[in-house]
């Protein structure tokens, strides 16, 4: 894509920051179709929680099965057990809390899955902020709709989110996950806004 003049990639800082990470829950915002492959390419021993739709997708179902990713359409206890196992084995669990690509110029909407996993596994979250400017390959754009100028695709790793305060201050795990989700939304909103103003 870079050779074709569609993208310029700025990934070196993120590559350095993610080098050697092990047993982390890595969360990221989701502005474009290529976020998953770009992020996974930088993460050693990457594992993913994948929505059921991809397990049924004619083109991708073989890929997610061969990669042995975690299907999100299973009993919650089994899902958490699989996540704990993958983290204990040193794999890094990649999750996009939005569950689908970001709608440009709209408030971020998050699912609670990432926070639930973090709370129940008692595992901190390592956020990665992805920026694509101008927007391309969003949910609203067809793959063949090329922007008027080459898109700059960049990533940066920001400060780890400590889940312990959320767990200690709230005995109910569901409420703790809700509060953590609100915090993730605030972090993502502030950081993506920071990107837009630079």
Protein backbone atom coordinates (compact mmCIF):
# COMPACT_ATOMS: atom_id res chain seq x y z
CA UNK A 1 0.00 0.00 0.00
CA UNK A 2 2.90 2.34 0.68
CA UNK A 3 4.48 1.45 -2.70
CA UNK A 4 1.18 2.16 -4.46
CA UNK A 5 1.05 5.61 -2.82
CA UNK A 6 -2.09 4.88 -0.77
CA UNK A 7 -0.42 5.14 2.66
CA UNK A 8 2.64 6.46 4.42
CA UNK A 9 3.29 4.44 7.57
CA UNK A 10 4.76 5.92 10.75
CA UNK A 11 5.16 2.86 12.99
CA UNK A 12 8.76 2.92 14.22
CA UNK A 13 8.10 4.38 17.69
CA UNK A 14 5.24 1.96 18.28
CA UNK A 15 7.44 -0.90 17.03
CA UNK A 16 10.11 0.02 19.61
CA UNK A 17 7.55 0.44 22.42
CA UNK A 18 5.91 -2.92 21.69
CA UNK A 19 9.14 -4.85 21.21
CA UNK A 20 9.45 -7.55 23.85
CA UNK A 21 5.99 -7.07 25.40
CA UNK A 22 4.68 -10.26 26.91
CA UNK A 23 1.40 -11.29 28.54
CA UNK A 24 -0.28 -7.90 27.98
CA UNK A 25 -3.85 -6.93 27.15
CA UNK A 26 -3.36 -4.43 24.33
CA UNK A 27 -6.32 -2.23 23.40
CA UNK A 28 -6.58 0.13 20.44
CA UNK A 29 -9.03 2.44 18.76
CA UNK A 30 -10.19 1.31 15.31
CA UNK A 31 -10.25 4.01 12.59
CA UNK A 32 -9.59 1.85 9.52
CA UNK A 33 -9.84 -1.59 7.98
CA UNK A 34 -6.09 -2.26 8.19
CA UNK A 35 -5.69 -1.55 11.93
CA UNK A 36 -5.70 -5.21 12.92
CA UNK A 37 -2.99 -6.40 10.53
CA UNK A 38 -0.82 -3.31 11.10
CA UNK A 39 -0.99 -3.65 14.89
CA UNK A 40 -0.49 -7.42 14.97
CA UNK A 41 2.56 -7.04 12.73
CA UNK A 42 4.25 -5.07 15.55
CA UNK A 43 3.30 -7.34 18.45
CA UNK A 44 5.29 -10.45 19.33
CA UNK A 45 3.11 -13.48 20.11
CA UNK A 46 -0.16 -11.71 19.29
CA UNK A 47 -3.49 -13.33 20.05
CA UNK A 48 -6.91 -11.78 19.38
CA UNK A 49 -10.46 -11.92 20.60
CA UNK A 50 -12.42 -12.18 17.34
CA UNK A 51 -16.13 -11.54 16.77
CA UNK A 52 -18.30 -14.43 15.60
CA UNK A 53 -18.85 -12.81 12.19
CA UNK A 54 -15.23 -13.45 11.23
CA UNK A 55 -15.52 -17.12 12.19
CA UNK A 56 -18.39 -17.39 9.71
CA UNK A 57 -16.81 -15.17 7.01
CA UNK A 58 -16.07 -17.14 3.82
CA UNK A 59 -12.72 -15.39 3.21
CA UNK A 60 -11.45 -15.08 6.80
CA UNK A 61 -12.76 -18.06 8.75
CA UNK A 62 -9.75 -20.23 7.84
CA UNK A 63 -7.32 -17.48 8.87
CA UNK A 64 -8.82 -16.97 12.35
CA UNK A 65 -9.09 -20.72 12.94
CA UNK A 66 -5.52 -21.49 11.84
CA UNK A 67 -4.25 -18.57 13.96
CA UNK A 68 -6.15 -20.11 16.90
CA UNK A 69 -7.68 -16.77 17.88
CA UNK A 70 -10.31 -16.60 20.65
CA UNK A 71 -13.95 -16.57 19.55
CA UNK A 72 -15.98 -14.00 21.51
CA UNK A 73 -19.20 -16.00 21.00
CA UNK A 74 -18.84 -18.44 23.89
CA UNK A 75 -19.77 -18.75 27.55
CA UNK A 76 -18.29 -15.80 29.50
CA UNK A 77 -16.46 -18.04 31.97
CA UNK A 78 -14.94 -20.06 29.12
CA UNK A 79 -13.91 -16.85 27.33
CA UNK A 80 -12.20 -15.51 30.47
CA UNK A 81 -10.52 -18.87 31.05
CA UNK A 82 -9.15 -18.83 27.46
CA UNK A 83 -7.93 -15.24 27.88
CA UNK A 84 -6.17 -16.06 31.18
CA UNK A 85 -4.52 -19.08 29.58
CA UNK A 86 -3.21 -17.12 26.60
CA UNK A 87 -1.83 -14.35 28.88
CA UNK A 88 -0.17 -16.87 31.23
CA UNK A 89 1.52 -18.46 28.21
CA UNK A 90 3.08 -15.06 27.40
CA UNK A 91 0.85 -14.17 24.47
CA UNK A 92 -0.37 -10.60 24.05
CA UNK A 93 -4.13 -10.27 23.78
CA UNK A 94 -5.21 -7.65 21.21
CA UNK A 95 -8.70 -6.19 21.64
CA UNK A 96 -10.51 -3.35 19.89
CA UNK A 97 -12.99 -2.17 22.56
CA UNK A 98 -15.22 -0.49 19.97
CA UNK A 99 -15.94 -3.89 18.45
CA UNK A 100 -16.14 -2.32 14.99
CA UNK A 101 -14.50 0.53 13.13
CA UNK A 102 -14.83 4.09 14.49
CA UNK A 103 -17.40 6.31 12.79
CA UNK A 104 -15.48 9.50 11.85
CA UNK A 105 -16.61 12.70 13.61
CA UNK A 106 -18.88 10.77 15.98
CA UNK A 107 -18.36 10.05 19.71
CA UNK A 108 -16.54 6.80 20.43
CA UNK A 109 -18.80 3.92 21.51
CA UNK A 110 -17.20 1.07 23.44
CA UNK A 111 -18.27 -2.47 24.23
CA UNK A 112 -17.45 -3.71 27.76
CA UNK A 113 -15.57 -6.85 26.64
CA UNK A 114 -12.03 -5.49 27.03
CA UNK A 115 -12.77 -4.07 30.49
CA UNK A 116 -14.47 -7.30 31.58
CA UNK A 117 -11.42 -9.31 30.53
CA UNK A 118 -9.04 -6.88 32.28
CA UNK A 119 -11.09 -6.90 35.51
CA UNK A 120 -11.64 -10.66 35.64
CA UNK A 121 -8.05 -11.49 34.65
CA UNK A 122 -6.73 -8.66 36.91
CA UNK A 123 -4.55 -7.50 34.03
CA UNK A 124 -3.56 -3.93 33.18
CA UNK A 125 -4.40 -2.49 29.77
CA UNK A 126 -1.78 -1.19 27.34
CA UNK A 127 -3.46 1.34 25.01
CA UNK A 128 -2.34 2.00 21.45
CA UNK A 129 -3.68 5.04 19.62
CA UNK A 130 -4.06 4.60 15.87
CA UNK A 131 -4.46 7.57 13.56
CA UNK A 132 -5.26 7.62 9.85
CA UNK A 133 -5.28 11.06 8.22
CA UNK A 134 -7.16 11.66 5.99
CA UNK A 135 -9.63 8.92 6.84
CA UNK A 136 -9.79 5.93 4.53
CA UNK A 137 -11.06 2.35 4.72
CA UNK A 138 -13.59 3.37 7.37
CA UNK A 139 -16.91 1.59 7.87
CA UNK A 140 -18.62 4.25 5.73
CA UNK A 141 -16.12 4.14 2.83
CA UNK A 142 -15.73 1.48 0.15
CA UNK A 143 -12.26 -0.06 -0.22
CA UNK A 144 -11.87 1.54 -3.65
CA UNK A 145 -12.65 5.08 -2.43
CA UNK A 146 -9.15 6.56 -2.30
CA UNK A 147 -8.65 9.90 -0.48
CA UNK A 148 -7.48 12.97 -2.38
CA UNK A 149 -4.04 12.78 -0.78
CA UNK A 150 -1.90 9.98 0.58
CA UNK A 151 -3.07 8.90 4.03
CA UNK A 152 -0.62 8.93 6.95
CA UNK A 153 -1.16 5.88 9.13
CA UNK A 154 0.49 6.13 12.56
CA UNK A 155 0.46 4.43 15.95
CA UNK A 156 1.66 5.37 19.40
CA UNK A 157 1.67 3.50 22.69
CA UNK A 158 0.45 5.50 25.67
CA UNK A 159 0.57 5.01 29.45
CA UNK A 160 -0.64 1.66 30.76
CA UNK A 161 -4.04 1.70 32.51
CA UNK A 162 -3.85 0.21 36.01
CA UNK A 163 -6.97 -1.88 36.68
CA UNK A 164 -6.31 -2.42 40.40
CA UNK A 165 -8.03 0.82 41.55
CA UNK A 166 -11.16 -0.18 39.64
CA UNK A 167 -11.15 -3.65 41.23
CA UNK A 168 -10.32 -2.46 44.76
CA UNK A 169 -12.90 0.32 44.79
CA UNK A 170 -15.73 -1.86 43.49
CA UNK A 171 -16.47 -5.41 44.63
CA UNK A 172 -19.03 -5.95 41.86
CA UNK A 173 -17.03 -6.95 38.76
CA UNK A 174 -19.71 -5.78 36.32
CA UNK A 175 -19.75 -2.28 37.81
CA UNK A 176 -15.94 -2.23 37.90
CA UNK A 177 -15.91 -3.14 34.18
CA UNK A 178 -18.44 -0.39 33.43
CA UNK A 179 -16.30 2.21 35.26
CA UNK A 180 -13.16 0.97 33.50
CA UNK A 181 -14.94 1.18 30.12
CA UNK A 182 -15.86 4.81 30.87
CA UNK A 183 -12.22 5.50 31.71
CA UNK A 184 -11.00 3.86 28.47
CA UNK A 185 -13.49 5.98 26.52
CA UNK A 186 -12.14 9.15 28.17
CA UNK A 187 -8.54 8.16 27.39
CA UNK A 188 -9.32 7.28 23.76
CA UNK A 189 -11.35 10.46 23.25
CA UNK A 190 -8.64 12.72 24.72
CA UNK A 191 -5.84 11.01 22.79
CA UNK A 192 -7.58 10.90 19.42
CA UNK A 193 -8.60 14.55 19.84
CA UNK A 194 -4.93 15.33 20.56
CA UNK A 195 -4.07 13.68 17.23
CA UNK A 196 -6.61 15.81 15.37
CA UNK A 197 -5.22 19.07 16.77
CA UNK A 198 -1.59 18.32 15.78
